[in-house]
Amino acid sequence: MPESPTTAPITTAPTPPAGAADGALALLNRLGAAAIAHPGGNLVDHLQRVRSQLAVWGARPALQLAGLCHSLYGTDGFPAVLLPHERRAELASVIGAEAEEAVYLYGACDRGATYRDLARADAPFHDRLTGRPHPLTVRRRRDLAELTAANELDLARADLAFRDERGAGLLELFTRWRHLLSPGAWDDCVAVLSAPAHPAPR
């Protein structure tokens, strides 16, 4: 069980705890996620859609739970912190250590430094919370890529202005990551991000 903000390997369980999704939703509501506005509704709506998208792509249960909680510690692109990363053990007790580690990696990722080289097997992960780089396993690089795709595609679907502004750059990024993405994720990246630009209102 993690007790510090470090990214040292965490002992993982073969399956998440029973009732983990319900427990995670209860935690999100207790922390006020439903009161935070987000494209397409509120933050809880977004998190549930990300989890559902990962399920459609065939993600394992732990990664689906990570999708449900992926912004709890804040992220490089979403600064609101619902749960300080010093309380990692609290989240791990609800969703399991494997899912929590994926949440931490997603939240701690220094995107500018990490994303550009993530496709390389030897590329380091840059932790914005500790300031220290470290290597990632193939599974964790795939998890980070899949979570990122699910999150960004939900934003693109919910906010056409976001898609028009960021879609080309995201598609370029995901093209570099193609070998890290599941087939369903890649197909959706192409379908959503290659769509014609939304016409400006007259």
N, C-alpha and C. Protein backbone atom coordinates (compact mmCIF):
# COMPACT_ATOMS: atom_id res chain seq x y z
N MET A 1 0.84 -1.20 0.00
CA MET A 1 0.00 0.00 0.00
C MET A 1 0.87 1.25 0.00
N PRO A 2 0.68 2.18 -0.91
CA PRO A 2 1.56 3.35 -0.98
C PRO A 2 1.32 4.30 0.18
N GLU A 3 2.40 4.79 0.75
CA GLU A 3 2.28 5.73 1.85
C GLU A 3 3.05 7.00 1.61
N SER A 4 3.58 7.17 0.41
CA SER A 4 4.34 8.37 0.09
C SER A 4 4.09 8.74 -1.35
N PRO A 5 4.47 9.97 -1.75
CA PRO A 5 4.24 10.39 -3.13
C PRO A 5 5.25 9.85 -4.12
N THR A 6 6.13 8.96 -3.70
CA THR A 6 7.11 8.45 -4.64
C THR A 6 6.46 7.51 -5.62
N THR A 7 7.18 7.20 -6.68
CA THR A 7 6.65 6.28 -7.68
C THR A 7 7.37 4.94 -7.61
N ALA A 8 7.85 4.57 -6.45
CA ALA A 8 8.43 3.25 -6.28
C ALA A 8 7.35 2.21 -6.56
N PRO A 9 7.74 1.03 -7.08
CA PRO A 9 6.73 0.02 -7.38
C PRO A 9 5.87 -0.30 -6.18
N ILE A 10 4.58 -0.48 -6.43
CA ILE A 10 3.61 -0.78 -5.39
C ILE A 10 3.13 -2.20 -5.58
N THR A 11 3.03 -2.95 -4.51
CA THR A 11 2.53 -4.30 -4.60
C THR A 11 1.12 -4.28 -5.16
N THR A 12 0.87 -5.08 -6.17
CA THR A 12 -0.43 -5.05 -6.81
C THR A 12 -1.23 -6.30 -6.49
N ALA A 13 -2.55 -6.14 -6.43
CA ALA A 13 -3.44 -7.26 -6.23
C ALA A 13 -3.91 -7.74 -7.58
N PRO A 14 -4.29 -9.04 -7.70
CA PRO A 14 -4.71 -9.55 -8.99
C PRO A 14 -6.00 -8.91 -9.49
N THR A 15 -6.87 -8.52 -8.59
CA THR A 15 -8.11 -7.85 -8.97
C THR A 15 -8.36 -6.69 -8.02
N PRO A 16 -9.09 -5.66 -8.48
CA PRO A 16 -9.41 -4.55 -7.58
C PRO A 16 -10.32 -5.00 -6.45
N PRO A 17 -10.42 -4.24 -5.37
CA PRO A 17 -11.31 -4.60 -4.26
C PRO A 17 -12.76 -4.69 -4.72
N ALA A 18 -13.53 -5.53 -4.05
CA ALA A 18 -14.95 -5.63 -4.36
C ALA A 18 -15.63 -4.29 -4.12
N GLY A 19 -16.50 -3.91 -5.01
CA GLY A 19 -17.22 -2.65 -4.86
C GLY A 19 -16.37 -1.42 -5.08
N ALA A 20 -15.23 -1.58 -5.78
CA ALA A 20 -14.29 -0.46 -5.93
C ALA A 20 -14.92 0.70 -6.69
N ALA A 21 -15.68 0.42 -7.73
CA ALA A 21 -16.26 1.52 -8.53
C ALA A 21 -17.25 2.32 -7.70
N ASP A 22 -18.10 1.63 -6.94
CA ASP A 22 -19.05 2.34 -6.08
C ASP A 22 -18.31 3.14 -5.01
N GLY A 23 -17.26 2.54 -4.46
CA GLY A 23 -16.48 3.26 -3.46
C GLY A 23 -15.79 4.48 -4.04
N ALA A 24 -15.31 4.36 -5.27
CA ALA A 24 -14.65 5.50 -5.91
C ALA A 24 -15.65 6.62 -6.18
N LEU A 25 -16.84 6.27 -6.64
CA LEU A 25 -17.86 7.29 -6.87
C LEU A 25 -18.25 7.98 -5.57
N ALA A 26 -18.38 7.22 -4.50
CA ALA A 26 -18.70 7.82 -3.21
C ALA A 26 -17.59 8.78 -2.78
N LEU A 27 -16.33 8.38 -3.00
CA LEU A 27 -15.21 9.25 -2.64
C LEU A 27 -15.22 10.52 -3.49
N LEU A 28 -15.46 10.37 -4.79
CA LEU A 28 -15.51 11.54 -5.66
C LEU A 28 -16.58 12.53 -5.22
N ASN A 29 -17.75 12.02 -4.89
CA ASN A 29 -18.83 12.90 -4.44
C ASN A 29 -18.52 13.54 -3.10
N ARG A 30 -17.89 12.78 -2.22
CA ARG A 30 -17.52 13.32 -0.91
C ARG A 30 -16.48 14.44 -1.05
N LEU A 31 -15.63 14.33 -2.06
CA LEU A 31 -14.58 15.33 -2.28
C LEU A 31 -15.06 16.52 -3.11
N GLY A 32 -16.32 16.47 -3.56
CA GLY A 32 -16.90 17.62 -4.26
C GLY A 32 -16.72 17.63 -5.76
N ALA A 33 -16.41 16.48 -6.37
CA ALA A 33 -16.17 16.46 -7.81
C ALA A 33 -17.40 16.84 -8.61
N ALA A 34 -18.59 16.52 -8.10
CA ALA A 34 -19.81 16.83 -8.84
C ALA A 34 -20.07 18.33 -8.92
N ALA A 35 -19.44 19.10 -8.05
CA ALA A 35 -19.64 20.55 -8.05
C ALA A 35 -18.64 21.28 -8.95
N ILE A 36 -17.72 20.56 -9.57
CA ILE A 36 -16.71 21.17 -10.42
C ILE A 36 -17.17 21.09 -11.87
N ALA A 37 -17.37 22.25 -12.50
CA ALA A 37 -17.81 22.28 -13.90
C ALA A 37 -16.73 21.70 -14.80
N HIS A 38 -17.18 21.02 -15.85
CA HIS A 38 -16.26 20.39 -16.79
C HIS A 38 -16.98 20.26 -18.11
N PRO A 39 -16.26 20.34 -19.25
CA PRO A 39 -16.94 20.18 -20.54
C PRO A 39 -17.80 18.92 -20.56
N GLY A 40 -19.05 19.07 -20.97
CA GLY A 40 -19.96 17.95 -21.00
C GLY A 40 -20.72 17.71 -19.71
N GLY A 41 -20.64 18.65 -18.77
CA GLY A 41 -21.34 18.49 -17.49
C GLY A 41 -20.47 18.89 -16.33
N ASN A 42 -20.27 17.96 -15.41
CA ASN A 42 -19.37 18.22 -14.28
C ASN A 42 -18.25 17.19 -14.28
N LEU A 43 -17.35 17.32 -13.32
CA LEU A 43 -16.17 16.45 -13.32
C LEU A 43 -16.54 14.99 -13.16
N VAL A 44 -17.54 14.68 -12.34
CA VAL A 44 -17.95 13.28 -12.17
C VAL A 44 -18.46 12.71 -13.49
N ASP A 45 -19.24 13.50 -14.22
CA ASP A 45 -19.72 13.05 -15.53
C ASP A 45 -18.54 12.69 -16.43
N HIS A 46 -17.56 13.58 -16.49
CA HIS A 46 -16.38 13.35 -17.33
C HIS A 46 -15.65 12.08 -16.90
N LEU A 47 -15.42 11.93 -15.62
CA LEU A 47 -14.67 10.77 -15.12
C LEU A 47 -15.40 9.47 -15.44
N GLN A 48 -16.71 9.48 -15.32
CA GLN A 48 -17.48 8.27 -15.63
C GLN A 48 -17.42 7.96 -17.13
N ARG A 49 -17.44 9.00 -17.96
CA ARG A 49 -17.33 8.76 -19.39
C ARG A 49 -15.96 8.19 -19.76
N VAL A 50 -14.91 8.69 -19.11
CA VAL A 50 -13.57 8.16 -19.38
C VAL A 50 -13.50 6.69 -18.98
N ARG A 51 -14.04 6.35 -17.84
CA ARG A 51 -14.06 4.95 -17.42
C ARG A 51 -14.82 4.09 -18.44
N SER A 52 -15.99 4.57 -18.88
CA SER A 52 -16.78 3.82 -19.84
C SER A 52 -16.05 3.65 -21.16
N GLN A 53 -15.33 4.69 -21.60
CA GLN A 53 -14.57 4.59 -22.84
C GLN A 53 -13.49 3.53 -22.73
N LEU A 54 -12.80 3.51 -21.61
CA LEU A 54 -11.76 2.50 -21.41
C LEU A 54 -12.36 1.10 -21.41
N ALA A 55 -13.55 0.94 -20.84
CA ALA A 55 -14.21 -0.36 -20.86
C ALA A 55 -14.53 -0.79 -22.28
N VAL A 56 -15.03 0.14 -23.10
CA VAL A 56 -15.33 -0.17 -24.50
C VAL A 56 -14.07 -0.62 -25.23
N TRP A 57 -12.93 -0.04 -24.89
CA TRP A 57 -11.67 -0.41 -25.53
C TRP A 57 -11.09 -1.71 -24.98
N GLY A 58 -11.75 -2.29 -23.98
CA GLY A 58 -11.28 -3.56 -23.42
C GLY A 58 -10.23 -3.44 -22.35
N ALA A 59 -10.11 -2.27 -21.72
CA ALA A 59 -9.11 -2.09 -20.66
C ALA A 59 -9.42 -2.99 -19.47
N ARG A 60 -8.38 -3.44 -18.79
CA ARG A 60 -8.58 -4.28 -17.62
C ARG A 60 -9.26 -3.46 -16.51
N PRO A 61 -9.90 -4.12 -15.53
CA PRO A 61 -10.64 -3.39 -14.50
C PRO A 61 -9.82 -2.34 -13.75
N ALA A 62 -8.56 -2.62 -13.46
CA ALA A 62 -7.75 -1.65 -12.72
C ALA A 62 -7.57 -0.36 -13.52
N LEU A 63 -7.40 -0.47 -14.83
CA LEU A 63 -7.22 0.73 -15.64
C LEU A 63 -8.54 1.48 -15.77
N GLN A 64 -9.65 0.77 -15.83
CA GLN A 64 -10.95 1.43 -15.85
C GLN A 64 -11.15 2.25 -14.56
N LEU A 65 -10.77 1.68 -13.43
CA LEU A 65 -10.88 2.40 -12.16
C LEU A 65 -9.95 3.61 -12.14
N ALA A 66 -8.77 3.46 -12.72
CA ALA A 66 -7.86 4.61 -12.83
C ALA A 66 -8.50 5.71 -13.66
N GLY A 67 -9.20 5.33 -14.73
CA GLY A 67 -9.90 6.33 -15.54
C GLY A 67 -10.95 7.07 -14.74
N LEU A 68 -11.63 6.36 -13.85
CA LEU A 68 -12.66 6.98 -13.02
C LEU A 68 -12.07 7.98 -12.03
N CYS A 69 -10.82 7.80 -11.67
CA CYS A 69 -10.20 8.64 -10.63
C CYS A 69 -9.00 9.43 -11.14
N HIS A 70 -8.82 9.51 -12.45
CA HIS A 70 -7.53 9.94 -12.98
C HIS A 70 -7.12 11.37 -12.63
N SER A 71 -8.06 12.23 -12.27
CA SER A 71 -7.69 13.63 -11.98
C SER A 71 -7.73 13.97 -10.49
N LEU A 72 -7.86 12.96 -9.63
CA LEU A 72 -7.99 13.26 -8.20
C LEU A 72 -6.82 14.04 -7.63
N TYR A 73 -5.61 13.75 -8.08
CA TYR A 73 -4.43 14.45 -7.56
C TYR A 73 -4.12 15.73 -8.34
N GLY A 74 -5.02 16.10 -9.26
CA GLY A 74 -4.71 17.18 -10.18
C GLY A 74 -3.83 16.63 -11.30
N THR A 75 -3.72 17.38 -12.39
CA THR A 75 -2.87 16.96 -13.50
C THR A 75 -2.14 18.17 -14.06
N ASP A 76 -1.26 17.90 -14.98
CA ASP A 76 -0.52 18.97 -15.64
C ASP A 76 -1.45 19.91 -16.40
N GLY A 77 -2.64 19.41 -16.79
CA GLY A 77 -3.58 20.23 -17.53
C GLY A 77 -4.83 20.59 -16.77
N PHE A 78 -4.98 20.09 -15.53
CA PHE A 78 -6.17 20.32 -14.72
C PHE A 78 -5.70 20.49 -13.27
N PRO A 79 -5.47 21.73 -12.84
CA PRO A 79 -4.77 21.94 -11.57
C PRO A 79 -5.59 21.67 -10.30
N ALA A 80 -6.91 21.49 -10.43
CA ALA A 80 -7.73 21.28 -9.23
C ALA A 80 -7.33 19.97 -8.55
N VAL A 81 -6.99 20.03 -7.28
CA VAL A 81 -6.59 18.86 -6.51
C VAL A 81 -7.72 18.50 -5.55
N LEU A 82 -8.33 17.35 -5.76
CA LEU A 82 -9.39 16.91 -4.86
C LEU A 82 -8.83 16.12 -3.69
N LEU A 83 -7.73 15.42 -3.93
CA LEU A 83 -7.10 14.61 -2.89
C LEU A 83 -5.59 14.81 -2.99
N PRO A 84 -4.94 15.32 -1.95
CA PRO A 84 -3.48 15.52 -2.03
C PRO A 84 -2.77 14.19 -2.26
N HIS A 85 -1.73 14.22 -3.08
CA HIS A 85 -1.05 12.97 -3.39
C HIS A 85 -0.36 12.36 -2.18
N GLU A 86 -0.19 13.14 -1.12
CA GLU A 86 0.36 12.57 0.11
C GLU A 86 -0.60 11.56 0.74
N ARG A 87 -1.85 11.55 0.27
CA ARG A 87 -2.85 10.62 0.81
C ARG A 87 -3.13 9.48 -0.18
N ARG A 88 -2.10 9.04 -0.85
CA ARG A 88 -2.24 7.96 -1.82
C ARG A 88 -2.84 6.70 -1.21
N ALA A 89 -2.47 6.40 0.01
CA ALA A 89 -2.97 5.17 0.64
C ALA A 89 -4.48 5.19 0.76
N GLU A 90 -5.05 6.36 0.93
CA GLU A 90 -6.51 6.48 1.06
C GLU A 90 -7.19 6.06 -0.24
N LEU A 91 -6.68 6.51 -1.37
CA LEU A 91 -7.27 6.11 -2.64
C LEU A 91 -6.99 4.64 -2.93
N ALA A 92 -5.78 4.18 -2.63
CA ALA A 92 -5.45 2.77 -2.87
C ALA A 92 -6.35 1.83 -2.09
N SER A 93 -6.78 2.25 -0.91
CA SER A 93 -7.66 1.39 -0.11
C SER A 93 -9.03 1.24 -0.76
N VAL A 94 -9.38 2.18 -1.62
CA VAL A 94 -10.70 2.14 -2.28
C VAL A 94 -10.62 1.40 -3.62
N ILE A 95 -9.62 1.71 -4.46
CA ILE A 95 -9.58 1.17 -5.82
C ILE A 95 -8.49 0.14 -6.04
N GLY A 96 -7.65 -0.08 -5.04
CA GLY A 96 -6.55 -1.03 -5.18
C GLY A 96 -5.26 -0.33 -5.57
N ALA A 97 -4.14 -0.96 -5.23
CA ALA A 97 -2.84 -0.34 -5.44
C ALA A 97 -2.48 -0.20 -6.91
N GLU A 98 -2.86 -1.18 -7.73
CA GLU A 98 -2.51 -1.10 -9.15
C GLU A 98 -3.20 0.09 -9.82
N ALA A 99 -4.49 0.24 -9.56
CA ALA A 99 -5.24 1.36 -10.14
C ALA A 99 -4.72 2.69 -9.61
N GLU A 100 -4.43 2.74 -8.32
CA GLU A 100 -3.95 3.99 -7.73
C GLU A 100 -2.61 4.40 -8.32
N GLU A 101 -1.75 3.43 -8.59
CA GLU A 101 -0.45 3.78 -9.17
C GLU A 101 -0.63 4.42 -10.55
N ALA A 102 -1.60 3.91 -11.33
CA ALA A 102 -1.88 4.51 -12.63
C ALA A 102 -2.43 5.93 -12.48
N VAL A 103 -3.26 6.15 -11.46
CA VAL A 103 -3.78 7.50 -11.19
C VAL A 103 -2.62 8.43 -10.84
N TYR A 104 -1.72 7.96 -9.99
CA TYR A 104 -0.58 8.80 -9.62
C TYR A 104 0.26 9.15 -10.85
N LEU A 105 0.58 8.16 -11.67
CA LEU A 105 1.41 8.43 -12.84
C LEU A 105 0.75 9.43 -13.77
N TYR A 106 -0.57 9.29 -13.97
CA TYR A 106 -1.27 10.22 -14.83
C TYR A 106 -1.23 11.64 -14.25
N GLY A 107 -1.49 11.76 -12.96
CA GLY A 107 -1.51 13.07 -12.34
C GLY A 107 -0.14 13.70 -12.20
N ALA A 108 0.87 12.87 -11.97
CA ALA A 108 2.22 13.39 -11.74
C ALA A 108 2.99 13.65 -13.02
N CYS A 109 2.44 13.24 -14.14
CA CYS A 109 3.17 13.34 -15.41
C CYS A 109 3.43 14.79 -15.81
N ASP A 110 4.69 15.11 -16.01
CA ASP A 110 5.09 16.37 -16.64
C ASP A 110 4.93 16.14 -18.14
N ARG A 111 3.83 16.62 -18.69
CA ARG A 111 3.47 16.26 -20.06
C ARG A 111 4.47 16.77 -21.08
N GLY A 112 4.92 18.01 -20.90
CA GLY A 112 5.84 18.56 -21.87
C GLY A 112 7.12 17.76 -21.98
N ALA A 113 7.60 17.26 -20.86
CA ALA A 113 8.85 16.52 -20.84
C ALA A 113 8.67 15.03 -21.15
N THR A 114 7.50 14.48 -20.84
CA THR A 114 7.28 13.04 -20.96
C THR A 114 6.65 12.64 -22.29
N TYR A 115 5.64 13.38 -22.74
CA TYR A 115 4.87 12.95 -23.90
C TYR A 115 5.71 12.83 -25.17
N ARG A 116 6.65 13.76 -25.36
CA ARG A 116 7.35 13.79 -26.65
C ARG A 116 8.14 12.51 -26.91
N ASP A 117 8.58 11.81 -25.85
CA ASP A 117 9.42 10.63 -26.02
C ASP A 117 8.78 9.35 -25.50
N LEU A 118 7.51 9.40 -25.12
CA LEU A 118 6.89 8.24 -24.48
C LEU A 118 6.94 7.00 -25.35
N ALA A 119 6.92 7.17 -26.65
CA ALA A 119 6.93 6.02 -27.56
C ALA A 119 8.24 5.24 -27.51
N ARG A 120 9.30 5.86 -27.01
CA ARG A 120 10.60 5.18 -26.91
C ARG A 120 10.66 4.33 -25.66
N ALA A 121 11.11 3.10 -25.80
CA ALA A 121 11.16 2.18 -24.66
C ALA A 121 12.07 2.68 -23.55
N ASP A 122 13.11 3.45 -23.91
CA ASP A 122 14.07 3.90 -22.91
C ASP A 122 13.77 5.32 -22.41
N ALA A 123 12.66 5.88 -22.83
CA ALA A 123 12.36 7.27 -22.45
C ALA A 123 11.95 7.35 -20.99
N PRO A 124 12.48 8.33 -20.23
CA PRO A 124 12.11 8.45 -18.82
C PRO A 124 10.75 9.11 -18.64
N PHE A 125 10.12 8.79 -17.54
CA PHE A 125 8.91 9.47 -17.09
C PHE A 125 9.37 10.62 -16.21
N HIS A 126 8.88 11.82 -16.47
CA HIS A 126 9.25 12.99 -15.68
C HIS A 126 8.12 13.31 -14.71
N ASP A 127 8.43 13.20 -13.43
CA ASP A 127 7.44 13.38 -12.36
C ASP A 127 7.42 14.85 -11.95
N ARG A 128 6.31 15.55 -12.21
CA ARG A 128 6.22 16.98 -11.90
C ARG A 128 6.07 17.21 -10.40
N LEU A 129 5.70 16.19 -9.64
CA LEU A 129 5.50 16.36 -8.20
C LEU A 129 6.79 16.16 -7.42
N THR A 130 7.66 15.27 -7.88
CA THR A 130 8.92 15.05 -7.19
C THR A 130 10.10 15.72 -7.89
N GLY A 131 9.91 16.03 -9.21
CA GLY A 131 11.00 16.60 -9.98
C GLY A 131 12.02 15.57 -10.42
N ARG A 132 11.73 14.28 -10.22
CA ARG A 132 12.70 13.24 -10.55
C ARG A 132 12.20 12.39 -11.71
N PRO A 133 13.07 12.11 -12.69
CA PRO A 133 12.70 11.20 -13.78
C PRO A 133 12.95 9.75 -13.36
N HIS A 134 12.22 8.83 -13.96
CA HIS A 134 12.46 7.41 -13.73
C HIS A 134 11.89 6.62 -14.91
N PRO A 135 12.34 5.39 -15.10
CA PRO A 135 11.84 4.60 -16.23
C PRO A 135 10.43 4.07 -15.96
N LEU A 136 9.74 3.72 -17.05
CA LEU A 136 8.42 3.10 -16.94
C LEU A 136 8.45 1.75 -17.64
N THR A 137 7.70 0.81 -17.09
CA THR A 137 7.52 -0.47 -17.78
C THR A 137 6.66 -0.25 -19.03
N VAL A 138 6.65 -1.23 -19.91
CA VAL A 138 5.81 -1.15 -21.11
C VAL A 138 4.35 -1.02 -20.70
N ARG A 139 3.91 -1.79 -19.71
CA ARG A 139 2.51 -1.71 -19.29
C ARG A 139 2.16 -0.31 -18.83
N ARG A 140 3.03 0.31 -18.05
CA ARG A 140 2.71 1.65 -17.55
C ARG A 140 2.74 2.69 -18.67
N ARG A 141 3.61 2.53 -19.65
CA ARG A 141 3.59 3.45 -20.79
C ARG A 141 2.29 3.27 -21.58
N ARG A 142 1.85 2.04 -21.73
CA ARG A 142 0.58 1.80 -22.41
C ARG A 142 -0.59 2.37 -21.60
N ASP A 143 -0.56 2.19 -20.29
CA ASP A 143 -1.61 2.75 -19.44
C ASP A 143 -1.69 4.26 -19.58
N LEU A 144 -0.54 4.91 -19.54
CA LEU A 144 -0.51 6.37 -19.64
C LEU A 144 -1.05 6.82 -21.00
N ALA A 145 -0.66 6.13 -22.06
CA ALA A 145 -1.15 6.49 -23.39
C ALA A 145 -2.65 6.28 -23.49
N GLU A 146 -3.15 5.17 -22.98
CA GLU A 146 -4.58 4.86 -23.09
C GLU A 146 -5.42 5.82 -22.25
N LEU A 147 -4.97 6.13 -21.04
CA LEU A 147 -5.67 7.11 -20.20
C LEU A 147 -5.70 8.48 -20.87
N THR A 148 -4.57 8.86 -21.43
CA THR A 148 -4.49 10.16 -22.10
C THR A 148 -5.46 10.22 -23.28
N ALA A 149 -5.49 9.16 -24.07
CA ALA A 149 -6.40 9.15 -25.22
C ALA A 149 -7.85 9.22 -24.78
N ALA A 150 -8.22 8.44 -23.76
CA ALA A 150 -9.60 8.45 -23.28
C ALA A 150 -10.00 9.83 -22.77
N ASN A 151 -9.10 10.47 -22.04
CA ASN A 151 -9.38 11.80 -21.50
C ASN A 151 -9.51 12.84 -22.61
N GLU A 152 -8.54 12.87 -23.51
CA GLU A 152 -8.54 13.90 -24.55
C GLU A 152 -9.69 13.71 -25.54
N LEU A 153 -10.03 12.47 -25.86
CA LEU A 153 -11.15 12.24 -26.77
C LEU A 153 -12.47 12.64 -26.14
N ASP A 154 -12.61 12.45 -24.83
CA ASP A 154 -13.84 12.91 -24.19
C ASP A 154 -13.93 14.43 -24.25
N LEU A 155 -12.83 15.12 -24.02
CA LEU A 155 -12.83 16.58 -24.14
C LEU A 155 -13.17 17.01 -25.56
N ALA A 156 -12.61 16.32 -26.55
CA ALA A 156 -12.86 16.68 -27.95
C ALA A 156 -14.31 16.46 -28.34
N ARG A 157 -14.92 15.43 -27.80
CA ARG A 157 -16.33 15.18 -28.09
C ARG A 157 -17.24 16.19 -27.40
N ALA A 158 -16.87 16.58 -26.19
CA ALA A 158 -17.72 17.47 -25.40
C ALA A 158 -17.54 18.94 -25.76
N ASP A 159 -16.41 19.29 -26.34
CA ASP A 159 -16.09 20.70 -26.61
C ASP A 159 -15.51 20.80 -28.02
N LEU A 160 -16.36 21.16 -28.99
CA LEU A 160 -15.91 21.20 -30.37
C LEU A 160 -14.83 22.25 -30.61
N ALA A 161 -14.86 23.34 -29.85
CA ALA A 161 -13.80 24.35 -29.98
C ALA A 161 -12.46 23.76 -29.56
N PHE A 162 -12.46 22.96 -28.50
CA PHE A 162 -11.24 22.27 -28.07
C PHE A 162 -10.75 21.34 -29.17
N ARG A 163 -11.67 20.59 -29.76
CA ARG A 163 -11.29 19.66 -30.83
C ARG A 163 -10.69 20.41 -32.02
N ASP A 164 -11.32 21.52 -32.40
CA ASP A 164 -10.82 22.27 -33.55
C ASP A 164 -9.44 22.86 -33.28
N GLU A 165 -9.22 23.29 -32.03
CA GLU A 165 -7.94 23.93 -31.68
C GLU A 165 -6.83 22.91 -31.46
N ARG A 166 -7.16 21.80 -30.81
CA ARG A 166 -6.13 20.86 -30.38
C ARG A 166 -6.12 19.55 -31.16
N GLY A 167 -7.14 19.31 -31.97
CA GLY A 167 -7.28 18.00 -32.60
C GLY A 167 -6.09 17.57 -33.44
N ALA A 168 -5.58 18.45 -34.28
CA ALA A 168 -4.47 18.07 -35.16
C ALA A 168 -3.22 17.71 -34.36
N GLY A 169 -2.93 18.50 -33.33
CA GLY A 169 -1.77 18.21 -32.50
C GLY A 169 -1.92 16.91 -31.74
N LEU A 170 -3.13 16.66 -31.23
CA LEU A 170 -3.37 15.40 -30.52
C LEU A 170 -3.25 14.21 -31.45
N LEU A 171 -3.79 14.33 -32.66
CA LEU A 171 -3.69 13.21 -33.60
C LEU A 171 -2.23 12.94 -33.95
N GLU A 172 -1.44 13.98 -34.09
CA GLU A 172 -0.01 13.78 -34.34
C GLU A 172 0.65 13.04 -33.18
N LEU A 173 0.30 13.44 -31.95
CA LEU A 173 0.85 12.78 -30.77
C LEU A 173 0.45 11.31 -30.74
N PHE A 174 -0.85 11.04 -30.93
CA PHE A 174 -1.33 9.67 -30.83
C PHE A 174 -0.82 8.81 -31.99
N THR A 175 -0.52 9.44 -33.10
CA THR A 175 0.09 8.69 -34.20
C THR A 175 1.46 8.18 -33.78
N ARG A 176 2.23 9.02 -33.09
CA ARG A 176 3.53 8.57 -32.58
C ARG A 176 3.37 7.46 -31.54
N TRP A 177 2.26 7.50 -30.82
CA TRP A 177 2.02 6.51 -29.76
C TRP A 177 1.24 5.30 -30.25
N ARG A 178 1.01 5.18 -31.52
CA ARG A 178 0.07 4.18 -32.02
C ARG A 178 0.35 2.78 -31.47
N HIS A 179 1.63 2.41 -31.39
CA HIS A 179 1.97 1.06 -30.91
C HIS A 179 1.70 0.88 -29.42
N LEU A 180 1.45 1.97 -28.70
CA LEU A 180 1.11 1.88 -27.28
C LEU A 180 -0.40 1.81 -27.06
N LEU A 181 -1.18 2.17 -28.06
CA LEU A 181 -2.63 2.25 -27.91
C LEU A 181 -3.30 0.96 -28.34
N SER A 182 -4.44 0.66 -27.70
CA SER A 182 -5.25 -0.47 -28.13
C SER A 182 -5.84 -0.17 -29.51
N PRO A 183 -6.22 -1.18 -30.26
CA PRO A 183 -6.82 -0.93 -31.58
C PRO A 183 -8.06 -0.03 -31.50
N GLY A 184 -8.91 -0.24 -30.50
CA GLY A 184 -10.10 0.59 -30.37
C GLY A 184 -9.76 2.04 -30.09
N ALA A 185 -8.76 2.25 -29.25
CA ALA A 185 -8.35 3.62 -28.93
C ALA A 185 -7.82 4.32 -30.18
N TRP A 186 -6.97 3.63 -30.94
CA TRP A 186 -6.42 4.23 -32.14
C TRP A 186 -7.52 4.57 -33.14
N ASP A 187 -8.45 3.65 -33.35
CA ASP A 187 -9.53 3.91 -34.30
C ASP A 187 -10.35 5.13 -33.89
N ASP A 188 -10.61 5.27 -32.59
CA ASP A 188 -11.39 6.42 -32.12
C ASP A 188 -10.59 7.71 -32.23
N CYS A 189 -9.29 7.65 -32.00
CA CYS A 189 -8.46 8.85 -32.17
C CYS A 189 -8.59 9.38 -33.59
N VAL A 190 -8.50 8.47 -34.56
CA VAL A 190 -8.60 8.89 -35.96
C VAL A 190 -9.99 9.43 -36.26
N ALA A 191 -11.01 8.72 -35.79
CA ALA A 191 -12.38 9.11 -36.11
C ALA A 191 -12.75 10.46 -35.51
N VAL A 192 -12.38 10.68 -34.25
CA VAL A 192 -12.77 11.92 -33.55
C VAL A 192 -11.89 13.09 -33.96
N LEU A 193 -10.60 12.87 -34.03
CA LEU A 193 -9.68 13.99 -34.23
C LEU A 193 -9.49 14.36 -35.69
N SER A 194 -9.92 13.49 -36.60
CA SER A 194 -9.84 13.81 -38.03
C SER A 194 -11.14 14.40 -38.56
N ALA A 195 -12.13 14.56 -37.70
CA ALA A 195 -13.42 15.08 -38.15
C ALA A 195 -13.26 16.50 -38.67
N PRO A 196 -14.11 16.91 -39.62
CA PRO A 196 -14.02 18.28 -40.14
C PRO A 196 -14.18 19.31 -39.04
N ALA A 197 -13.53 20.42 -39.20
CA ALA A 197 -13.61 21.50 -38.21
C ALA A 197 -15.07 21.96 -38.05
N HIS A 198 -15.41 22.28 -36.83
CA HIS A 198 -16.75 22.79 -36.54
C HIS A 198 -16.87 24.22 -37.09
N PRO A 199 -17.88 24.50 -37.90
CA PRO A 199 -17.98 25.85 -38.46
C PRO A 199 -18.21 26.90 -37.39
N ALA A 200 -17.56 28.03 -37.53
CA ALA A 200 -17.72 29.13 -36.56
C ALA A 200 -19.12 29.70 -36.67
N PRO A 201 -19.71 30.09 -35.53
CA PRO A 201 -21.07 30.67 -35.57
C PRO A 201 -21.06 31.98 -36.35
N ARG A 202 -22.17 32.23 -37.07
CA ARG A 202 -22.28 33.47 -37.85
C ARG A 202 -23.10 34.50 -37.08
